[in-house]
PDB file of N, CA and C in Angstrom:
ATOM      1  N   UNK A   1      21.341  13.387 -25.648  1.00  0.00           N
ATOM      2  CA  UNK A   1      20.259  13.018 -24.766  1.00  0.00           C
ATOM      3  C   UNK A   1      20.569  13.533 -23.362  1.00  0.00           C
ATOM      4  N   UNK A   2      19.608  14.240 -22.783  1.00  0.00           N
ATOM      5  CA  UNK A   2      19.784  14.814 -21.460  1.00  0.00           C
ATOM      6  C   UNK A   2      19.588  13.742 -20.387  1.00  0.00           C
ATOM      7  N   UNK A   3      20.480  13.700 -19.450  1.00  0.00           N
ATOM      8  CA  UNK A   3      20.415  12.730 -18.362  1.00  0.00           C
ATOM      9  C   UNK A   3      19.661  13.327 -17.180  1.00  0.00           C
ATOM     10  N   UNK A   4      18.771  12.567 -16.586  1.00  0.00           N
ATOM     11  CA  UNK A   4      17.998  13.038 -15.442  1.00  0.00           C
ATOM     12  C   UNK A   4      18.828  12.984 -14.172  1.00  0.00           C
ATOM     13  N   UNK A   5      18.680  13.987 -13.323  1.00  0.00           N
ATOM     14  CA  UNK A   5      19.365  14.016 -12.038  1.00  0.00           C
ATOM     15  C   UNK A   5      18.555  13.301 -10.963  1.00  0.00           C
ATOM     16  N   UNK A   6      17.363  12.860 -11.303  1.00  0.00           N
ATOM     17  CA  UNK A   6      16.476  12.209 -10.337  1.00  0.00           C
ATOM     18  C   UNK A   6      16.804  10.720 -10.249  1.00  0.00           C
ATOM     19  N   UNK A   7      17.169  10.262  -9.073  1.00  0.00           N
ATOM     20  CA  UNK A   7      17.475   8.848  -8.864  1.00  0.00           C
ATOM     21  C   UNK A   7      16.363   8.191  -8.057  1.00  0.00           C
ATOM     22  N   UNK A   8      15.958   7.024  -8.475  1.00  0.00           N
ATOM     23  CA  UNK A   8      14.962   6.282  -7.723  1.00  0.00           C
ATOM     24  C   UNK A   8      15.658   5.566  -6.571  1.00  0.00           C
ATOM     25  N   UNK A   9      15.103   5.690  -5.394  1.00  0.00           N
ATOM     26  CA  UNK A   9      15.703   5.096  -4.215  1.00  0.00           C
ATOM     27  C   UNK A   9      14.672   4.177  -3.562  1.00  0.00           C
ATOM     28  N   UNK A  10      14.961   2.888  -3.431  1.00  0.00           N
ATOM     29  CA  UNK A  10      13.978   1.957  -2.860  1.00  0.00           C
ATOM     30  C   UNK A  10      13.677   2.206  -1.384  1.00  0.00           C
ATOM     31  N   UNK A  11      14.459   3.063  -0.734  1.00  0.00           N
ATOM     32  CA  UNK A  11      14.219   3.367   0.675  1.00  0.00           C
ATOM     33  C   UNK A  11      13.369   4.628   0.863  1.00  0.00           C
ATOM     34  N   UNK A  12      13.164   5.392  -0.211  1.00  0.00           N
ATOM     35  CA  UNK A  12      12.337   6.589  -0.090  1.00  0.00           C
ATOM     36  C   UNK A  12      10.995   6.447  -0.803  1.00  0.00           C
ATOM     37  N   UNK A  13      10.876   5.511  -1.729  1.00  0.00           N
ATOM     38  CA  UNK A  13       9.594   5.247  -2.378  1.00  0.00           C
ATOM     39  C   UNK A  13       8.798   4.340  -1.446  1.00  0.00           C
ATOM     40  N   UNK A  14       7.534   4.670  -1.238  1.00  0.00           N
ATOM     41  CA  UNK A  14       6.704   3.923  -0.294  1.00  0.00           C
ATOM     42  C   UNK A  14       5.505   3.283  -0.973  1.00  0.00           C
ATOM     43  N   UNK A  15       4.998   2.265  -0.331  1.00  0.00           N
ATOM     44  CA  UNK A  15       3.774   1.576  -0.737  1.00  0.00           C
ATOM     45  C   UNK A  15       2.780   1.638   0.412  1.00  0.00           C
ATOM     46  N   UNK A  16       1.508   1.670   0.064  1.00  0.00           N
ATOM     47  CA  UNK A  16       0.421   1.539   1.038  1.00  0.00           C
ATOM     48  C   UNK A  16      -0.329   0.269   0.677  1.00  0.00           C
ATOM     49  N   UNK A  17      -0.580  -0.574   1.668  1.00  0.00           N
ATOM     50  CA  UNK A  17      -1.406  -1.769   1.468  1.00  0.00           C
ATOM     51  C   UNK A  17      -2.659  -1.620   2.318  1.00  0.00           C
ATOM     52  N   UNK A  18      -3.807  -1.815   1.709  1.00  0.00           N
ATOM     53  CA  UNK A  18      -5.086  -1.785   2.416  1.00  0.00           C
ATOM     54  C   UNK A  18      -5.600  -3.214   2.487  1.00  0.00           C
ATOM     55  N   UNK A  19      -5.686  -3.750   3.691  1.00  0.00           N
ATOM     56  CA  UNK A  19      -6.137  -5.116   3.910  1.00  0.00           C
ATOM     57  C   UNK A  19      -7.496  -5.058   4.599  1.00  0.00           C
ATOM     58  N   UNK A  20      -8.557  -5.613   3.998  1.00  0.00           N
ATOM     59  CA  UNK A  20      -9.879  -5.547   4.633  1.00  0.00           C
ATOM     60  C   UNK A  20      -9.905  -6.329   5.950  1.00  0.00           C
ATOM     61  N   UNK A  21     -10.559  -5.748   6.966  1.00  0.00           N
ATOM     62  CA  UNK A  21     -10.656  -6.434   8.249  1.00  0.00           C
ATOM     63  C   UNK A  21     -11.604  -7.622   8.178  1.00  0.00           C
ATOM     64  N   UNK A  22     -12.636  -7.522   7.329  1.00  0.00           N
ATOM     65  CA  UNK A  22     -13.580  -8.630   7.127  1.00  0.00           C
ATOM     66  C   UNK A  22     -13.798  -8.820   5.634  1.00  0.00           C
ATOM     67  N   UNK A  23     -13.860 -10.058   5.219  1.00  0.00           N
ATOM     68  CA  UNK A  23     -14.179 -10.361   3.826  1.00  0.00           C
ATOM     69  C   UNK A  23     -13.069  -9.998   2.869  1.00  0.00           C
ATOM     70  N   UNK A  24     -13.461  -9.510   1.691  1.00  0.00           N
ATOM     71  CA  UNK A  24     -12.509  -9.188   0.633  1.00  0.00           C
ATOM     72  C   UNK A  24     -12.606  -7.705   0.272  1.00  0.00           C
ATOM     73  N   UNK A  25     -11.570  -7.203  -0.368  1.00  0.00           N
ATOM     74  CA  UNK A  25     -11.561  -5.819  -0.831  1.00  0.00           C
ATOM     75  C   UNK A  25     -12.538  -5.666  -1.993  1.00  0.00           C
ATOM     76  N   UNK A  26     -13.092  -4.465  -2.141  1.00  0.00           N
ATOM     77  CA  UNK A  26     -14.041  -4.238  -3.228  1.00  0.00           C
ATOM     78  C   UNK A  26     -13.401  -3.440  -4.360  1.00  0.00           C
ATOM     79  N   UNK A  27     -13.880  -3.676  -5.558  1.00  0.00           N
ATOM     80  CA  UNK A  27     -13.382  -2.956  -6.725  1.00  0.00           C
ATOM     81  C   UNK A  27     -13.697  -1.465  -6.586  1.00  0.00           C
ATOM     82  N   UNK A  28     -14.849  -1.143  -6.027  1.00  0.00           N
ATOM     83  CA  UNK A  28     -15.237   0.254  -5.817  1.00  0.00           C
ATOM     84  C   UNK A  28     -14.231   0.963  -4.912  1.00  0.00           C
ATOM     85  N   UNK A  29     -13.789   0.286  -3.853  1.00  0.00           N
ATOM     86  CA  UNK A  29     -12.798   0.879  -2.955  1.00  0.00           C
ATOM     87  C   UNK A  29     -11.454   1.063  -3.657  1.00  0.00           C
ATOM     88  N   UNK A  30     -11.075   0.138  -4.526  1.00  0.00           N
ATOM     89  CA  UNK A  30      -9.835   0.271  -5.294  1.00  0.00           C
ATOM     90  C   UNK A  30      -9.918   1.493  -6.212  1.00  0.00           C
ATOM     91  N   UNK A  31     -11.076   1.702  -6.820  1.00  0.00           N
ATOM     92  CA  UNK A  31     -11.267   2.862  -7.692  1.00  0.00           C
ATOM     93  C   UNK A  31     -11.241   4.150  -6.887  1.00  0.00           C
ATOM     94  N   UNK A  32     -11.860   4.145  -5.706  1.00  0.00           N
ATOM     95  CA  UNK A  32     -11.839   5.321  -4.831  1.00  0.00           C
ATOM     96  C   UNK A  32     -10.407   5.654  -4.426  1.00  0.00           C
ATOM     97  N   UNK A  33      -9.640   4.643  -4.056  1.00  0.00           N
ATOM     98  CA  UNK A  33      -8.236   4.859  -3.683  1.00  0.00           C
ATOM     99  C   UNK A  33      -7.451   5.439  -4.855  1.00  0.00           C
ATOM    100  N   UNK A  34      -7.713   4.961  -6.070  1.00  0.00           N
ATOM    101  CA  UNK A  34      -7.015   5.480  -7.253  1.00  0.00           C
ATOM    102  C   UNK A  34      -7.322   6.955  -7.464  1.00  0.00           C
ATOM    103  N   UNK A  35      -8.568   7.351  -7.216  1.00  0.00           N
ATOM    104  CA  UNK A  35      -8.948   8.758  -7.376  1.00  0.00           C
ATOM    105  C   UNK A  35      -8.268   9.631  -6.330  1.00  0.00           C
ATOM    106  N   UNK A  36      -8.159   9.136  -5.105  1.00  0.00           N
ATOM    107  CA  UNK A  36      -7.521   9.908  -4.036  1.00  0.00           C
ATOM    108  C   UNK A  36      -6.028  10.048  -4.295  1.00  0.00           C
ATOM    109  N   UNK A  37      -5.399   8.980  -4.763  1.00  0.00           N
ATOM    110  CA  UNK A  37      -3.979   9.015  -5.135  1.00  0.00           C
ATOM    111  C   UNK A  37      -3.959   9.386  -6.611  1.00  0.00           C
ATOM    112  N   UNK A  38      -4.158  10.652  -6.904  1.00  0.00           N
ATOM    113  CA  UNK A  38      -4.468  11.128  -8.249  1.00  0.00           C
ATOM    114  C   UNK A  38      -3.469  10.744  -9.341  1.00  0.00           C
ATOM    115  N   UNK A  39      -2.186  10.677  -9.046  1.00  0.00           N
ATOM    116  CA  UNK A  39      -1.232  10.400 -10.116  1.00  0.00           C
ATOM    117  C   UNK A  39      -0.713   8.973 -10.089  1.00  0.00           C
ATOM    118  N   UNK A  40      -1.408   8.091  -9.395  1.00  0.00           N
ATOM    119  CA  UNK A  40      -0.933   6.715  -9.286  1.00  0.00           C
ATOM    120  C   UNK A  40      -2.112   5.758  -9.355  1.00  0.00           C
ATOM    121  N   UNK A  41      -1.902   4.616  -9.946  1.00  0.00           N
ATOM    122  CA  UNK A  41      -2.937   3.593 -10.036  1.00  0.00           C
ATOM    123  C   UNK A  41      -2.897   2.713  -8.791  1.00  0.00           C
ATOM    124  N   UNK A  42      -4.056   2.444  -8.224  1.00  0.00           N
ATOM    125  CA  UNK A  42      -4.126   1.497  -7.113  1.00  0.00           C
ATOM    126  C   UNK A  42      -4.311   0.113  -7.694  1.00  0.00           C
ATOM    127  N   UNK A  43      -3.534  -0.825  -7.224  1.00  0.00           N
ATOM    128  CA  UNK A  43      -3.580  -2.188  -7.729  1.00  0.00           C
ATOM    129  C   UNK A  43      -4.526  -3.010  -6.866  1.00  0.00           C
ATOM    130  N   UNK A  44      -5.407  -3.733  -7.512  1.00  0.00           N
ATOM    131  CA  UNK A  44      -6.416  -4.538  -6.852  1.00  0.00           C
ATOM    132  C   UNK A  44      -6.013  -5.984  -7.064  1.00  0.00           C
ATOM    133  N   UNK A  45      -5.675  -6.689  -5.986  1.00  0.00           N
ATOM    134  CA  UNK A  45      -5.200  -8.058  -6.140  1.00  0.00           C
ATOM    135  C   UNK A  45      -6.308  -8.951  -6.690  1.00  0.00           C
ATOM    136  N   UNK A  46      -5.931  -9.902  -7.520  1.00  0.00           N
ATOM    137  CA  UNK A  46      -6.920 -10.764  -8.170  1.00  0.00           C
ATOM    138  C   UNK A  46      -7.690 -11.620  -7.177  1.00  0.00           C
ATOM    139  N   UNK A  47      -7.100 -11.889  -6.036  1.00  0.00           N
ATOM    140  CA  UNK A  47      -7.808 -12.683  -5.023  1.00  0.00           C
ATOM    141  C   UNK A  47      -8.644 -11.795  -4.110  1.00  0.00           C
ATOM    142  N   UNK A  48      -8.633 -10.486  -4.367  1.00  0.00           N
ATOM    143  CA  UNK A  48      -9.407  -9.505  -3.607  1.00  0.00           C
ATOM    144  C   UNK A  48      -9.006  -9.442  -2.139  1.00  0.00           C
ATOM    145  N   UNK A  49      -7.765  -9.818  -1.839  1.00  0.00           N
ATOM    146  CA  UNK A  49      -7.303  -9.774  -0.462  1.00  0.00           C
ATOM    147  C   UNK A  49      -6.739  -8.424  -0.080  1.00  0.00           C
ATOM    148  N   UNK A  50      -6.390  -7.593  -1.060  1.00  0.00           N
ATOM    149  CA  UNK A  50      -5.770  -6.318  -0.730  1.00  0.00           C
ATOM    150  C   UNK A  50      -5.869  -5.320  -1.874  1.00  0.00           C
ATOM    151  N   UNK A  51      -5.636  -4.049  -1.495  1.00  0.00           N
ATOM    152  CA  UNK A  51      -5.496  -2.963  -2.454  1.00  0.00           C
ATOM    153  C   UNK A  51      -4.173  -2.306  -2.093  1.00  0.00           C
ATOM    154  N   UNK A  52      -3.341  -1.997  -3.074  1.00  0.00           N
ATOM    155  CA  UNK A  52      -2.085  -1.331  -2.755  1.00  0.00           C
ATOM    156  C   UNK A  52      -1.691  -0.355  -3.833  1.00  0.00           C
ATOM    157  N   UNK A  53      -0.927   0.657  -3.451  1.00  0.00           N
ATOM    158  CA  UNK A  53      -0.460   1.681  -4.380  1.00  0.00           C
ATOM    159  C   UNK A  53       0.894   2.201  -3.929  1.00  0.00           C
ATOM    160  N   UNK A  54       1.672   2.721  -4.867  1.00  0.00           N
ATOM    161  CA  UNK A  54       2.983   3.269  -4.507  1.00  0.00           C
ATOM    162  C   UNK A  54       2.929   4.787  -4.494  1.00  0.00           C
ATOM    163  N   UNK A  55       3.816   5.375  -3.682  1.00  0.00           N
ATOM    164  CA  UNK A  55       3.858   6.818  -3.481  1.00  0.00           C
ATOM    165  C   UNK A  55       5.309   7.293  -3.468  1.00  0.00           C
ATOM    166  N   UNK A  56       5.543   8.584  -3.739  1.00  0.00           N
ATOM    167  CA  UNK A  56       6.925   9.067  -3.826  1.00  0.00           C
ATOM    168  C   UNK A  56       7.682   9.121  -2.503  1.00  0.00           C
ATOM    169  N   UNK A  57       6.951   9.240  -1.373  1.00  0.00           N
ATOM    170  CA  UNK A  57       7.633   9.325  -0.076  1.00  0.00           C
ATOM    171  C   UNK A  57       6.666   9.032   1.071  1.00  0.00           C
ATOM    172  N   UNK A  58       7.197   8.929   2.270  1.00  0.00           N
ATOM    173  CA  UNK A  58       6.400   8.584   3.443  1.00  0.00           C
ATOM    174  C   UNK A  58       5.406   9.690   3.796  1.00  0.00           C
ATOM    175  N   UNK A  59       5.812  10.945   3.642  1.00  0.00           N
ATOM    176  CA  UNK A  59       4.919  12.062   3.961  1.00  0.00           C
ATOM    177  C   UNK A  59       3.658  12.015   3.098  1.00  0.00           C
ATOM    178  N   UNK A  60       3.833  11.741   1.804  1.00  0.00           N
ATOM    179  CA  UNK A  60       2.683  11.619   0.898  1.00  0.00           C
ATOM    180  C   UNK A  60       1.812  10.440   1.329  1.00  0.00           C
ATOM    181  N   UNK A  61       2.444   9.358   1.786  1.00  0.00           N
ATOM    182  CA  UNK A  61       1.701   8.201   2.278  1.00  0.00           C
ATOM    183  C   UNK A  61       0.821   8.553   3.465  1.00  0.00           C
ATOM    184  N   UNK A  62       1.364   9.308   4.408  1.00  0.00           N
ATOM    185  CA  UNK A  62       0.574   9.717   5.571  1.00  0.00           C
ATOM    186  C   UNK A  62      -0.570  10.644   5.179  1.00  0.00           C
ATOM    187  N   UNK A  63      -0.346  11.517   4.195  1.00  0.00           N
ATOM    188  CA  UNK A  63      -1.411  12.396   3.701  1.00  0.00           C
ATOM    189  C   UNK A  63      -2.539  11.567   3.075  1.00  0.00           C
ATOM    190  N   UNK A  64      -2.165  10.579   2.274  1.00  0.00           N
ATOM    191  CA  UNK A  64      -3.161   9.737   1.600  1.00  0.00           C
ATOM    192  C   UNK A  64      -3.971   8.945   2.627  1.00  0.00           C
ATOM    193  N   UNK A  65      -3.311   8.430   3.658  1.00  0.00           N
ATOM    194  CA  UNK A  65      -4.027   7.688   4.704  1.00  0.00           C
ATOM    195  C   UNK A  65      -5.089   8.569   5.349  1.00  0.00           C
ATOM    196  N   UNK A  66      -4.756   9.835   5.620  1.00  0.00           N
ATOM    197  CA  UNK A  66      -5.731  10.766   6.206  1.00  0.00           C
ATOM    198  C   UNK A  66      -6.892  11.001   5.252  1.00  0.00           C
ATOM    199  N   UNK A  67      -6.600  11.115   3.947  1.00  0.00           N
ATOM    200  CA  UNK A  67      -7.649  11.344   2.949  1.00  0.00           C
ATOM    201  C   UNK A  67      -8.556  10.127   2.768  1.00  0.00           C
ATOM    202  N   UNK A  68      -8.032   8.928   3.010  1.00  0.00           N
ATOM    203  CA  UNK A  68      -8.819   7.700   2.830  1.00  0.00           C
ATOM    204  C   UNK A  68      -9.848   7.485   3.948  1.00  0.00           C
ATOM    205  N   UNK A  69      -9.631   8.097   5.106  1.00  0.00           N
ATOM    206  CA  UNK A  69     -10.536   7.879   6.243  1.00  0.00           C
ATOM    207  C   UNK A  69     -11.968   8.246   5.864  1.00  0.00           C
ATOM    208  N   UNK A  70     -12.882   7.343   6.151  1.00  0.00           N
ATOM    209  CA  UNK A  70     -14.324   7.505   5.909  1.00  0.00           C
ATOM    210  C   UNK A  70     -14.704   7.662   4.445  1.00  0.00           C
ATOM    211  N   UNK A  71     -13.819   7.283   3.531  1.00  0.00           N
ATOM    212  CA  UNK A  71     -14.130   7.369   2.103  1.00  0.00           C
ATOM    213  C   UNK A  71     -14.379   5.996   1.468  1.00  0.00           C
ATOM    214  N   UNK A  72     -14.075   4.925   2.197  1.00  0.00           N
ATOM    215  CA  UNK A  72     -14.193   3.576   1.648  1.00  0.00           C
ATOM    216  C   UNK A  72     -15.415   2.868   2.226  1.00  0.00           C
ATOM    217  N   UNK A  73     -15.938   1.904   1.490  1.00  0.00           N
ATOM    218  CA  UNK A  73     -17.163   1.219   1.920  1.00  0.00           C
ATOM    219  C   UNK A  73     -16.916   0.195   3.022  1.00  0.00           C
ATOM    220  N   UNK A  74     -15.674  -0.259   3.168  1.00  0.00           N
ATOM    221  CA  UNK A  74     -15.317  -1.238   4.195  1.00  0.00           C
ATOM    222  C   UNK A  74     -14.245  -0.647   5.089  1.00  0.00           C
ATOM    223  N   UNK A  75     -13.962  -1.343   6.180  1.00  0.00           N
ATOM    224  CA  UNK A  75     -12.857  -0.937   7.054  1.00  0.00           C
ATOM    225  C   UNK A  75     -11.620  -1.738   6.662  1.00  0.00           C
ATOM    226  N   UNK A  76     -10.511  -1.017   6.477  1.00  0.00           N
ATOM    227  CA  UNK A  76      -9.246  -1.619   6.058  1.00  0.00           C
ATOM    228  C   UNK A  76      -8.158  -1.300   7.076  1.00  0.00           C
ATOM    229  N   UNK A  77      -7.243  -2.221   7.254  1.00  0.00           N
ATOM    230  CA  UNK A  77      -6.012  -1.971   8.004  1.00  0.00           C
ATOM    231  C   UNK A  77      -5.017  -1.479   6.964  1.00  0.00           C
ATOM    232  N   UNK A  78      -4.376  -0.332   7.238  1.00  0.00           N
ATOM    233  CA  UNK A  78      -3.468   0.276   6.277  1.00  0.00           C
ATOM    234  C   UNK A  78      -2.036   0.167   6.776  1.00  0.00           C
ATOM    235  N   UNK A  79      -1.173  -0.398   5.938  1.00  0.00           N
ATOM    236  CA  UNK A  79       0.245  -0.554   6.239  1.00  0.00           C
ATOM    237  C   UNK A  79       1.051   0.295   5.272  1.00  0.00           C
ATOM    238  N   UNK A  80       2.087   0.947   5.770  1.00  0.00           N
ATOM    239  CA  UNK A  80       2.974   1.784   4.972  1.00  0.00           C
ATOM    240  C   UNK A  80       4.371   1.169   5.033  1.00  0.00           C
ATOM    241  N   UNK A  81       4.956   0.865   3.857  1.00  0.00           N
ATOM    242  CA  UNK A  81       6.273   0.227   3.828  1.00  0.00           C
ATOM    243  C   UNK A  81       7.051   0.660   2.594  1.00  0.00           C
ATOM    244  N   UNK A  82       8.360   0.416   2.603  1.00  0.00           N
ATOM    245  CA  UNK A  82       9.227   0.892   1.523  1.00  0.00           C
ATOM    246  C   UNK A  82       9.195  -0.030   0.298  1.00  0.00           C
ATOM    247  N   UNK A  83       9.657   0.529  -0.798  1.00  0.00           N
ATOM    248  CA  UNK A  83       9.772  -0.233  -2.029  1.00  0.00           C
ATOM    249  C   UNK A  83      10.772  -1.381  -1.856  1.00  0.00           C
ATOM    250  N   UNK A  84      11.794  -1.158  -1.063  1.00  0.00           N
ATOM    251  CA  UNK A  84      12.791  -2.199  -0.778  1.00  0.00           C
ATOM    252  C   UNK A  84      12.116  -3.396  -0.099  1.00  0.00           C
ATOM    253  N   UNK A  85      11.240  -3.125   0.876  1.00  0.00           N
ATOM    254  CA  UNK A  85      10.526  -4.203   1.563  1.00  0.00           C
ATOM    255  C   UNK A  85       9.601  -4.933   0.596  1.00  0.00           C
ATOM    256  N   UNK A  86       8.968  -4.182  -0.295  1.00  0.00           N
ATOM    257  CA  UNK A  86       8.092  -4.794  -1.293  1.00  0.00           C
ATOM    258  C   UNK A  86       8.888  -5.758  -2.154  1.00  0.00           C
ATOM    259  N   UNK A  87      10.114  -5.366  -2.517  1.00  0.00           N
ATOM    260  CA  UNK A  87      10.980  -6.219  -3.319  1.00  0.00           C
ATOM    261  C   UNK A  87      11.503  -7.437  -2.562  1.00  0.00           C
ATOM    262  N   UNK A  88      11.460  -7.378  -1.228  1.00  0.00           N
ATOM    263  CA  UNK A  88      11.937  -8.488  -0.397  1.00  0.00           C
ATOM    264  C   UNK A  88      10.810  -9.462  -0.038  1.00  0.00           C
ATOM    265  N   UNK A  89       9.662  -9.331  -0.678  1.00  0.00           N
ATOM    266  CA  UNK A  89       8.524 -10.196  -0.374  1.00  0.00           C
ATOM    267  C   UNK A  89       8.933 -11.657  -0.449  1.00  0.00           C
ATOM    268  N   UNK A  90       8.537 -12.431   0.554  1.00  0.00           N
ATOM    269  CA  UNK A  90       8.877 -13.852   0.579  1.00  0.00           C
ATOM    270  C   UNK A  90       7.758 -14.636   1.255  1.00  0.00           C
ATOM    271  N   UNK A  91       7.905 -15.921   1.285  1.00  0.00           N
ATOM    272  CA  UNK A  91       6.889 -16.785   1.881  1.00  0.00           C
ATOM    273  C   UNK A  91       6.888 -16.747   3.401  1.00  0.00           C
ATOM    274  N   UNK A  92       7.914 -16.160   4.028  1.00  0.00           N
ATOM    275  CA  UNK A  92       7.967 -16.205   5.484  1.00  0.00           C
ATOM    276  C   UNK A  92       7.966 -14.828   6.151  1.00  0.00           C
ATOM    277  N   UNK A  93       7.380 -13.833   5.493  1.00  0.00           N
ATOM    278  CA  UNK A  93       7.215 -12.519   6.113  1.00  0.00           C
ATOM    279  C   UNK A  93       5.980 -12.528   7.002  1.00  0.00           C
ATOM    280  N   UNK A  94       5.367 -11.367   7.204  1.00  0.00           N
ATOM    281  CA  UNK A  94       4.204 -11.368   8.087  1.00  0.00           C
ATOM    282  C   UNK A  94       3.027 -10.533   7.621  1.00  0.00           C
ATOM    283  N   UNK A  95       2.959 -10.160   6.340  1.00  0.00           N
ATOM    284  CA  UNK A  95       1.794  -9.434   5.827  1.00  0.00           C
ATOM    285  C   UNK A  95       1.477  -9.929   4.427  1.00  0.00           C
ATOM    286  N   UNK A  96       0.355 -10.581   4.252  1.00  0.00           N
ATOM    287  CA  UNK A  96      -0.038 -11.072   2.928  1.00  0.00           C
ATOM    288  C   UNK A  96      -0.644  -9.911   2.153  1.00  0.00           C
ATOM    289  N   UNK A  97      -0.124  -9.637   0.969  1.00  0.00           N
ATOM    290  CA  UNK A  97      -0.680  -8.529   0.208  1.00  0.00           C
ATOM    291  C   UNK A  97      -1.093  -8.888  -1.212  1.00  0.00           C
ATOM    292  N   UNK A  98      -0.858 -10.101  -1.665  1.00  0.00           N
ATOM    293  CA  UNK A  98      -1.316 -10.423  -3.012  1.00  0.00           C
ATOM    294  C   UNK A  98      -1.633 -11.905  -3.180  1.00  0.00           C
ATOM    295  N   UNK A  99      -2.195 -12.223  -4.323  1.00  0.00           N
ATOM    296  CA  UNK A  99      -2.710 -13.561  -4.553  1.00  0.00           C
ATOM    297  C   UNK A  99      -1.626 -14.625  -4.691  1.00  0.00           C
ATOM    298  N   UNK A 100      -0.384 -14.243  -4.929  1.00  0.00           N
ATOM    299  CA  UNK A 100       0.674 -15.236  -5.084  1.00  0.00           C
ATOM    300  C   UNK A 100       1.187 -15.734  -3.743  1.00  0.00           C
ATOM    301  N   UNK A 101       0.692 -15.175  -2.656  1.00  0.00           N
ATOM    302  CA  UNK A 101       1.114 -15.606  -1.336  1.00  0.00           C
ATOM    303  C   UNK A 101       2.378 -14.919  -0.858  1.00  0.00           C
ATOM    304  N   UNK A 102       2.839 -13.899  -1.617  1.00  0.00           N
ATOM    305  CA  UNK A 102       4.024 -13.164  -1.177  1.00  0.00           C
ATOM    306  C   UNK A 102       3.711 -12.397   0.090  1.00  0.00           C
ATOM    307  N   UNK A 103       4.684 -12.311   0.960  1.00  0.00           N
ATOM    308  CA  UNK A 103       4.516 -11.629   2.221  1.00  0.00           C
ATOM    309  C   UNK A 103       5.575 -10.539   2.359  1.00  0.00           C
ATOM    310  N   UNK A 104       5.184  -9.421   2.939  1.00  0.00           N
ATOM    311  CA  UNK A 104       6.083  -8.292   3.120  1.00  0.00           C
ATOM    312  C   UNK A 104       6.668  -8.340   4.528  1.00  0.00           C
ATOM    313  N   UNK A 105       7.979  -8.270   4.681  1.00  0.00           N
ATOM    314  CA  UNK A 105       8.585  -8.269   6.017  1.00  0.00           C
ATOM    315  C   UNK A 105       8.480  -6.884   6.657  1.00  0.00           C
ATOM    316  N   UNK A 106       7.468  -6.681   7.483  1.00  0.00           N
ATOM    317  CA  UNK A 106       7.276  -5.400   8.156  1.00  0.00           C
ATOM    318  C   UNK A 106       8.036  -5.373   9.473  1.00  0.00           C
ATOM    319  N   UNK A 107       8.471  -4.183   9.869  1.00  0.00           N
ATOM    320  CA  UNK A 107       9.136  -4.031  11.159  1.00  0.00           C
ATOM    321  C   UNK A 107       8.070  -3.935  12.252  1.00  0.00           C
ATOM    322  N   UNK A 108       8.475  -4.111  13.491  1.00  0.00           N
ATOM    323  CA  UNK A 108       7.518  -3.999  14.603  1.00  0.00           C
ATOM    324  C   UNK A 108       6.975  -2.577  14.679  1.00  0.00           C
ATOM    325  N   UNK A 109       7.775  -1.578  14.338  1.00  0.00           N
ATOM    326  CA  UNK A 109       7.310  -0.187  14.336  1.00  0.00           C
ATOM    327  C   UNK A 109       6.221   0.008  13.275  1.00  0.00           C
ATOM    328  N   UNK A 110       6.422  -0.570  12.086  1.00  0.00           N
ATOM    329  CA  UNK A 110       5.418  -0.443  11.033  1.00  0.00           C
ATOM    330  C   UNK A 110       4.109  -1.138  11.429  1.00  0.00           C
ATOM    331  N   UNK A 111       4.212  -2.263  12.099  1.00  0.00           N
ATOM    332  CA  UNK A 111       3.003  -2.952  12.549  1.00  0.00           C
ATOM    333  C   UNK A 111       2.252  -2.121  13.583  1.00  0.00           C
ATOM    334  N   UNK A 112       2.976  -1.431  14.457  1.00  0.00           N
ATOM    335  CA  UNK A 112       2.344  -0.570  15.470  1.00  0.00           C
ATOM    336  C   UNK A 112       1.722   0.668  14.824  1.00  0.00           C
ATOM    337  N   UNK A 113       2.344   1.173  13.758  1.00  0.00           N
ATOM    338  CA  UNK A 113       1.859   2.383  13.097  1.00  0.00           C
ATOM    339  C   UNK A 113       0.692   2.134  12.143  1.00  0.00           C
ATOM    340  N   UNK A 114       0.339   0.884  11.903  1.00  0.00           N
ATOM    341  CA  UNK A 114      -0.790   0.564  11.016  1.00  0.00           C
ATOM    342  C   UNK A 114      -2.073   1.145  11.598  1.00  0.00           C
ATOM    343  N   UNK A 115      -2.917   1.673  10.726  1.00  0.00           N
ATOM    344  CA  UNK A 115      -4.167   2.308  11.169  1.00  0.00           C
ATOM    345  C   UNK A 115      -5.353   1.700  10.433  1.00  0.00           C
ATOM    346  N   UNK A 116      -6.520   1.876  10.995  1.00  0.00           N
ATOM    347  CA  UNK A 116      -7.753   1.466  10.341  1.00  0.00           C
ATOM    348  C   UNK A 116      -8.385   2.669   9.661  1.00  0.00           C
ATOM    349  N   UNK A 117      -8.844   2.467   8.437  1.00  0.00           N
ATOM    350  CA  UNK A 117      -9.560   3.529   7.721  1.00  0.00           C
ATOM    351  C   UNK A 117     -10.892   2.993   7.245  1.00  0.00           C
TER     352      UNK A 117
END
């Protein structure tokens, strides 16, 4: 059996969270995001509070954010964070991204870099 040289690194894999500025996220927007992120499924939280997807690196995340502009039916605040941060979700972070109440501990730089799409 051939062993892969590719190692998954929680500091280089990124997530994008789309949080609606008003109301709840729409299923149509989740589907649109999935189409834009062609090789990845966008996850639509059951409470409709967010849409999120994972990406191979930060550069791809920034490209996807640019592609999402003016393509969604609502305005969303977009946060970009690492897989490690996603795994550190707790009740006392500062970004709610799913129905279980888990929160992602974002840095002050990540909060400043958040954009509206």
